[in-house]
Amino acid sequence: MSKPIVTLATSAALPNLAEDDAPLPDALAERGIEPRIAVWDDPDVDWSEAGLVVLRSVHDYAGRREDFLRWAESVPKLVNHADVVRWNTDKHYLIELANRGMPTIPTIWLEPERNYNKHQLHTRFPASGDFVVKPAVSSGGQEAGRYTSVDGISRRDAINHAMDLLQHGRSVMVQRYMESVDTRGETALIYMNGLVSHAVEKEAMLHGGYHPGQTAPAEVTHARQANPAEWQIGEQARQAIHSYIKDRLGRDEQLTFCRIDVVEGPNGSMSVMEVSLVDASLYLSTTPGAVDNFADAISVRAFW
């Protein structure tokens, strides 16, 4: 009996996977799987022979989203599902999840077809506190900037940031910056095949505005025990996600991997910052057993 093949899809910038995923091929091999690694846009790869394809460090999709989606839809056995990938690569998905009962950070959406002038952008930004400007299609904090509403220079920089994105035909999100991120960080809740795997704390990443050509800030993470309120909102988010998937695909499909980032608001309530179902860093190196959890989740799919 031949071994099932699992191909871990990555980007040209990380042809041997991200460091965090490096132990995964050996863990799959220990489970009787033939692991492979391939760059998603490599024209020499025959994806019909790739077996189960698991998305990993495909962080370059944001700049070529339509190319990436065409590729995803052409892969016979992709996890997570290509329809889910299309939906989750544009952060407008937060509107859908909020409509299904998931608590989210209030967001101002700026659409390029509205042709805003700078004064109109100014009137749409928060009047107090810090806020974040970022594109609706982005990966890993790329092109996100933090600004201070009452500082004239910072507000001007925010307007220029948003205007530049809009003029390039990109939707923009404006969200109030949650001060708790500076003191206790965000919490990432990681699930595999619908089961809790582990949680991590992510330290604050944004400390100023965005400048063209600036690389995304590095993530600093630590293993932590999520509290009951965090797991509760994680379950609310999972229910909203699966409600959407069931309606979209006509079946209830567990996600091979799912990362839900949550943050505490000013009144102590929890909100979802982001849901990552495509190129999610799963922080496997932070927690003993996390690599095995992921390899087990993949092997269940590979042997179906």
Protein backbone atom coordinates (compact mmCIF):
# COMPACT_ATOMS: atom_id res chain seq x y z
CA MET A 1 0.00 0.00 0.00
CA SER A 2 1.49 3.36 -1.04
CA LYS A 3 1.83 6.14 1.47
CA PRO A 4 -0.54 9.09 1.21
CA ILE A 5 1.15 12.25 -0.03
CA VAL A 6 0.84 15.55 1.79
CA THR A 7 2.27 18.68 0.16
CA LEU A 8 2.87 21.73 2.32
CA ALA A 9 2.31 24.79 0.13
CA THR A 10 4.61 27.73 0.80
CA SER A 11 5.86 30.88 -0.90
CA ALA A 12 9.03 31.55 -2.90
CA ALA A 13 10.37 33.64 -0.01
CA LEU A 14 10.17 30.60 2.28
CA PRO A 15 10.84 27.62 -0.02
CA ASN A 16 11.67 25.36 2.93
CA LEU A 17 8.77 26.56 5.09
CA ALA A 18 8.81 29.06 7.91
CA GLU A 19 11.00 28.12 10.86
CA ASP A 20 7.92 27.43 12.98
CA ASP A 21 6.72 24.76 10.52
CA ALA A 22 10.13 23.14 9.97
CA PRO A 23 9.46 20.09 12.20
CA LEU A 24 6.18 19.29 10.43
CA PRO A 25 7.50 17.12 7.54
CA ASP A 26 9.27 14.75 9.96
CA ALA A 27 6.17 14.56 12.14
CA LEU A 28 4.09 13.63 9.07
CA ALA A 29 6.64 11.01 8.00
CA GLU A 30 6.39 9.42 11.44
CA ARG A 31 2.69 8.96 10.76
CA GLY A 32 3.22 7.03 7.53
CA ILE A 33 2.83 10.00 5.20
CA GLU A 34 5.09 11.08 2.34
CA PRO A 35 5.65 14.80 3.04
CA ARG A 36 6.51 17.23 0.28
CA ILE A 37 7.07 20.98 0.16
CA ALA A 38 6.21 23.10 -2.88
CA VAL A 39 5.92 26.80 -3.71
CA TRP A 40 2.32 27.58 -4.63
CA ASP A 41 3.13 29.49 -7.84
CA ASP A 42 5.93 27.21 -9.08
CA PRO A 43 4.91 26.37 -12.68
CA ASP A 44 6.82 23.07 -12.55
CA VAL A 45 4.68 21.57 -9.79
CA ASP A 46 1.95 19.14 -10.84
CA TRP A 47 -0.68 19.78 -8.19
CA SER A 48 -2.80 16.87 -9.40
CA GLU A 49 -0.01 14.63 -8.04
CA ALA A 50 0.41 16.57 -4.79
CA GLY A 51 -2.05 14.60 -2.68
CA LEU A 52 -3.52 16.57 0.19
CA VAL A 53 -2.27 20.17 -0.05
CA VAL A 54 -1.99 22.07 3.22
CA LEU A 55 -1.58 25.84 3.09
CA ARG A 56 1.26 27.15 5.16
CA SER A 57 3.47 30.21 4.65
CA VAL A 58 1.79 31.64 1.54
CA HIS A 59 2.18 35.17 2.88
CA ASP A 60 2.61 36.71 -0.57
CA TYR A 61 -1.00 36.09 -1.60
CA ALA A 62 -2.15 39.62 -0.73
CA GLY A 63 -0.28 41.21 -3.62
CA ARG A 64 -1.59 38.66 -6.12
CA ARG A 65 -4.88 37.61 -4.61
CA GLU A 66 -6.71 36.69 -7.82
CA ASP A 67 -3.76 34.61 -9.07
CA PHE A 68 -3.63 32.89 -5.71
CA LEU A 69 -7.36 32.18 -5.69
CA ARG A 70 -7.26 30.74 -9.21
CA TRP A 71 -4.46 28.46 -8.07
CA ALA A 72 -6.35 27.45 -4.90
CA GLU A 73 -9.46 26.59 -6.89
CA SER A 74 -7.39 24.43 -9.26
CA VAL A 75 -5.91 22.25 -6.51
CA PRO A 76 -7.89 19.00 -6.23
CA LYS A 77 -7.41 18.45 -2.48
CA LEU A 78 -6.76 21.70 -0.65
CA VAL A 79 -7.14 22.46 3.04
CA ASN A 80 -8.62 24.64 4.04
CA HIS A 81 -11.25 24.49 1.26
CA ALA A 82 -10.79 26.91 -1.67
CA ASP A 83 -14.18 28.56 -1.06
CA VAL A 84 -13.12 29.26 2.52
CA VAL A 85 -9.80 30.62 1.23
CA ARG A 86 -11.56 33.06 -1.11
CA TRP A 87 -13.75 34.31 1.72
CA ASN A 88 -11.01 34.56 4.36
CA THR A 89 -8.45 36.41 2.20
CA ASP A 90 -10.58 39.58 2.34
CA LYS A 91 -11.26 40.93 5.82
CA HIS A 92 -14.78 41.92 4.84
CA TYR A 93 -15.48 38.43 6.22
CA LEU A 94 -15.65 40.17 9.62
CA ILE A 95 -18.95 41.75 8.56
CA GLU A 96 -20.40 38.31 7.82
CA LEU A 97 -19.24 36.92 11.15
CA ALA A 98 -20.54 39.93 13.08
CA ASN A 99 -23.93 39.42 11.43
CA ARG A 100 -23.80 35.85 12.73
CA GLY A 101 -23.23 36.94 16.32
CA MET A 102 -19.44 37.12 16.63
CA PRO A 103 -18.25 40.14 18.67
CA THR A 104 -15.82 42.15 16.55
CA ILE A 105 -13.96 45.45 16.85
CA PRO A 106 -16.10 48.24 15.33
CA THR A 107 -14.68 49.01 11.90
CA ILE A 108 -15.05 51.87 9.44
CA TRP A 109 -14.85 50.49 5.90
CA LEU A 110 -13.57 52.80 3.18
CA GLU A 111 -14.20 51.62 -0.37
CA PRO A 112 -12.22 52.90 -3.37
CA GLU A 113 -15.29 53.44 -5.54
CA ARG A 114 -16.48 56.17 -3.16
CA ASN A 115 -13.65 58.48 -4.36
CA TYR A 116 -13.10 60.13 -0.98
CA ASN A 117 -11.17 63.37 -0.73
CA LYS A 118 -8.82 64.00 2.19
CA HIS A 119 -11.37 66.02 4.15
CA GLN A 120 -13.89 63.18 3.89
CA LEU A 121 -11.31 60.75 5.22
CA HIS A 122 -10.50 63.13 8.07
CA THR A 123 -14.16 63.23 9.14
CA ARG A 124 -14.38 59.43 9.15
CA PHE A 125 -11.39 58.84 11.43
CA PRO A 126 -11.89 58.60 15.24
CA ALA A 127 -11.90 61.89 17.13
CA SER A 128 -9.99 60.52 20.13
CA GLY A 129 -7.52 57.79 21.00
CA ASP A 130 -5.28 55.75 18.74
CA PHE A 131 -6.53 53.94 15.66
CA VAL A 132 -5.26 51.56 13.00
CA VAL A 133 -5.41 51.90 9.22
CA LYS A 134 -4.87 48.77 7.12
CA PRO A 135 -5.97 47.24 3.82
CA ALA A 136 -8.80 44.71 3.79
CA VAL A 137 -6.57 42.29 1.86
CA SER A 138 -3.31 41.84 3.71
CA SER A 139 -1.25 39.20 5.47
CA GLY A 140 0.72 39.21 8.69
CA GLY A 141 0.25 42.85 9.59
CA GLN A 142 1.66 44.10 6.30
CA GLU A 143 0.76 47.70 5.38
CA ALA A 144 -0.87 48.38 8.75
CA GLY A 145 -0.17 51.59 10.67
CA ARG A 146 -1.09 52.95 14.08
CA TYR A 147 -1.99 56.63 14.42
CA THR A 148 -2.98 59.12 17.13
CA SER A 149 -6.21 60.97 16.46
CA VAL A 150 -5.35 64.22 18.28
CA ASP A 151 -1.86 64.63 16.82
CA GLY A 152 -2.05 66.65 13.60
CA ILE A 153 0.98 65.06 11.96
CA SER A 154 -0.11 61.55 12.84
CA ARG A 155 -3.63 62.21 11.56
CA ARG A 156 -2.21 63.61 8.32
CA ASP A 157 -0.06 60.51 7.91
CA ALA A 158 -3.14 58.32 8.45
CA ILE A 159 -5.04 60.22 5.77
CA ASN A 160 -2.15 59.81 3.34
CA HIS A 161 -1.88 56.10 4.17
CA ALA A 162 -5.58 55.49 3.53
CA MET A 163 -5.60 57.67 0.42
CA ASP A 164 -2.67 55.78 -1.10
CA LEU A 165 -4.41 52.43 -0.58
CA LEU A 166 -7.71 53.71 -1.97
CA GLN A 167 -6.05 55.21 -5.03
CA HIS A 168 -4.63 51.75 -5.78
CA GLY A 169 -8.14 50.29 -5.73
CA ARG A 170 -7.87 48.73 -2.29
CA SER A 171 -10.49 48.70 0.44
CA VAL A 172 -9.37 50.17 3.76
CA MET A 173 -10.23 49.33 7.37
CA VAL A 174 -10.09 51.87 10.18
CA GLN A 175 -10.28 50.38 13.68
CA ARG A 176 -9.82 51.85 17.12
CA TYR A 177 -6.57 50.62 18.68
CA MET A 178 -7.27 48.49 21.74
CA GLU A 179 -5.03 49.76 24.55
CA SER A 180 -5.04 46.34 26.21
CA VAL A 181 -2.80 45.11 23.37
CA ASP A 182 0.02 47.21 24.86
CA THR A 183 -0.42 45.76 28.35
CA ARG A 184 -1.54 42.16 27.84
CA GLY A 185 -1.25 41.56 24.10
CA GLU A 186 -3.60 39.70 21.82
CA THR A 187 -4.50 36.08 22.43
CA ALA A 188 -4.37 33.62 19.53
CA LEU A 189 -6.59 30.57 19.98
CA ILE A 190 -5.56 27.66 17.75
CA TYR A 191 -7.90 24.83 16.75
CA MET A 192 -7.16 21.79 14.60
CA ASN A 193 -9.97 19.71 13.10
CA GLY A 194 -12.31 21.52 15.46
CA LEU A 195 -10.37 20.62 18.61
CA VAL A 196 -8.54 23.01 20.90
CA SER A 197 -4.78 22.74 20.40
CA HIS A 198 -3.12 25.64 22.24
CA ALA A 199 -3.10 29.39 22.84
CA VAL A 200 -0.42 32.05 22.67
CA GLU A 201 0.02 35.67 23.67
CA LYS A 202 1.11 38.01 20.90
CA GLU A 203 2.89 41.17 21.99
CA ALA A 204 1.97 44.54 20.49
CA MET A 205 3.30 44.92 16.94
CA LEU A 206 2.19 48.39 15.88
CA HIS A 207 4.08 51.33 17.37
CA GLY A 208 3.72 53.94 14.64
CA GLY A 209 2.46 54.77 11.19
CA TYR A 210 3.12 52.86 7.99
CA HIS A 211 5.64 54.01 5.40
CA PRO A 212 5.86 52.59 1.85
CA GLY A 213 8.44 49.84 1.60
CA GLN A 214 8.27 49.13 5.31
CA THR A 215 8.34 45.43 6.16
CA ALA A 216 5.80 43.90 8.50
CA PRO A 217 6.91 43.98 12.15
CA ALA A 218 8.13 40.70 13.63
CA GLU A 219 5.75 38.85 15.90
CA VAL A 220 6.80 38.11 19.47
CA THR A 221 4.75 35.31 21.01
CA HIS A 222 4.63 33.31 24.24
CA ALA A 223 2.66 30.24 25.24
CA ARG A 224 -0.13 31.05 27.66
CA GLN A 225 -3.24 29.57 29.20
CA ALA A 226 -6.27 31.28 27.74
CA ASN A 227 -8.90 32.26 30.28
CA PRO A 228 -12.55 31.14 30.17
CA ALA A 229 -13.73 34.41 28.60
CA GLU A 230 -11.24 33.97 25.75
CA TRP A 231 -12.25 30.37 25.07
CA GLN A 232 -15.90 31.42 25.24
CA ILE A 233 -15.48 34.04 22.52
CA GLY A 234 -13.41 31.52 20.57
CA GLU A 235 -16.39 29.17 20.60
CA GLN A 236 -18.72 31.99 19.52
CA ALA A 237 -16.39 32.70 16.64
CA ARG A 238 -16.16 29.04 15.65
CA GLN A 239 -19.93 28.73 15.63
CA ALA A 240 -20.20 31.80 13.38
CA ILE A 241 -17.49 30.46 11.05
CA HIS A 242 -19.09 27.05 10.74
CA SER A 243 -22.52 28.56 10.25
CA TYR A 244 -21.12 30.43 7.26
CA ILE A 245 -19.27 27.39 5.90
CA LYS A 246 -22.37 25.23 6.20
CA ASP A 247 -24.43 27.80 4.29
CA ARG A 248 -21.69 28.34 1.69
CA LEU A 249 -20.65 24.72 1.07
CA GLY A 250 -23.90 23.01 1.93
CA ARG A 251 -22.15 20.86 4.53
CA ASP A 252 -20.57 21.24 7.95
CA GLU A 253 -16.84 20.88 7.33
CA GLN A 254 -14.26 20.99 10.09
CA LEU A 255 -11.26 23.20 9.38
CA THR A 256 -7.89 21.46 9.45
CA PHE A 257 -6.50 24.58 11.12
CA CYS A 258 -8.12 27.70 12.48
CA ARG A 259 -6.58 30.61 14.41
CA ILE A 260 -8.81 33.13 16.14
CA ASP A 261 -7.17 36.29 17.51
CA VAL A 262 -9.04 37.93 20.39
CA VAL A 263 -8.45 41.09 22.38
CA GLU A 264 -9.87 42.69 25.49
CA GLY A 265 -11.86 45.90 25.07
CA PRO A 266 -11.98 48.94 27.37
CA ASN A 267 -14.85 47.53 29.43
CA GLY A 268 -13.28 44.10 29.84
CA SER A 269 -15.38 42.48 27.12
CA MET A 270 -13.65 40.37 24.49
CA SER A 271 -13.70 40.97 20.74
CA VAL A 272 -12.34 39.07 17.78
CA MET A 273 -9.54 40.86 15.98
CA GLU A 274 -9.07 38.41 13.13
CA VAL A 275 -9.75 34.86 11.96
CA SER A 276 -6.91 33.17 10.03
CA LEU A 277 -7.81 30.17 7.86
CA VAL A 278 -5.28 30.59 5.02
CA ASP A 279 -1.67 31.40 5.90
CA ALA A 280 -2.10 31.37 9.67
CA SER A 281 1.05 31.16 11.73
CA LEU A 282 0.14 28.48 14.26
CA TYR A 283 3.04 29.12 16.65
CA LEU A 284 3.89 25.44 16.79
CA SER A 285 7.22 26.10 18.50
CA THR A 286 5.65 27.85 21.49
CA THR A 287 3.84 24.88 22.99
CA PRO A 288 4.96 21.26 23.57
CA GLY A 289 2.77 18.92 21.55
CA ALA A 290 1.55 21.54 19.08
CA VAL A 291 3.49 20.02 16.15
CA ASP A 292 2.03 16.61 16.96
CA ASN A 293 -1.46 18.07 17.18
CA PHE A 294 -1.10 19.57 13.71
CA ALA A 295 0.44 16.43 12.23
CA ASP A 296 -2.40 14.37 13.71
CA ALA A 297 -5.02 16.74 12.25
CA ILE A 298 -3.40 16.52 8.81
CA SER A 299 -3.01 12.75 8.93
CA VAL A 300 -6.72 12.32 9.67
CA ARG A 301 -7.45 14.13 6.39
CA ALA A 302 -4.67 12.37 4.48
CA PHE A 303 -5.94 8.89 5.31
CA TRP A 304 -9.60 9.64 4.52
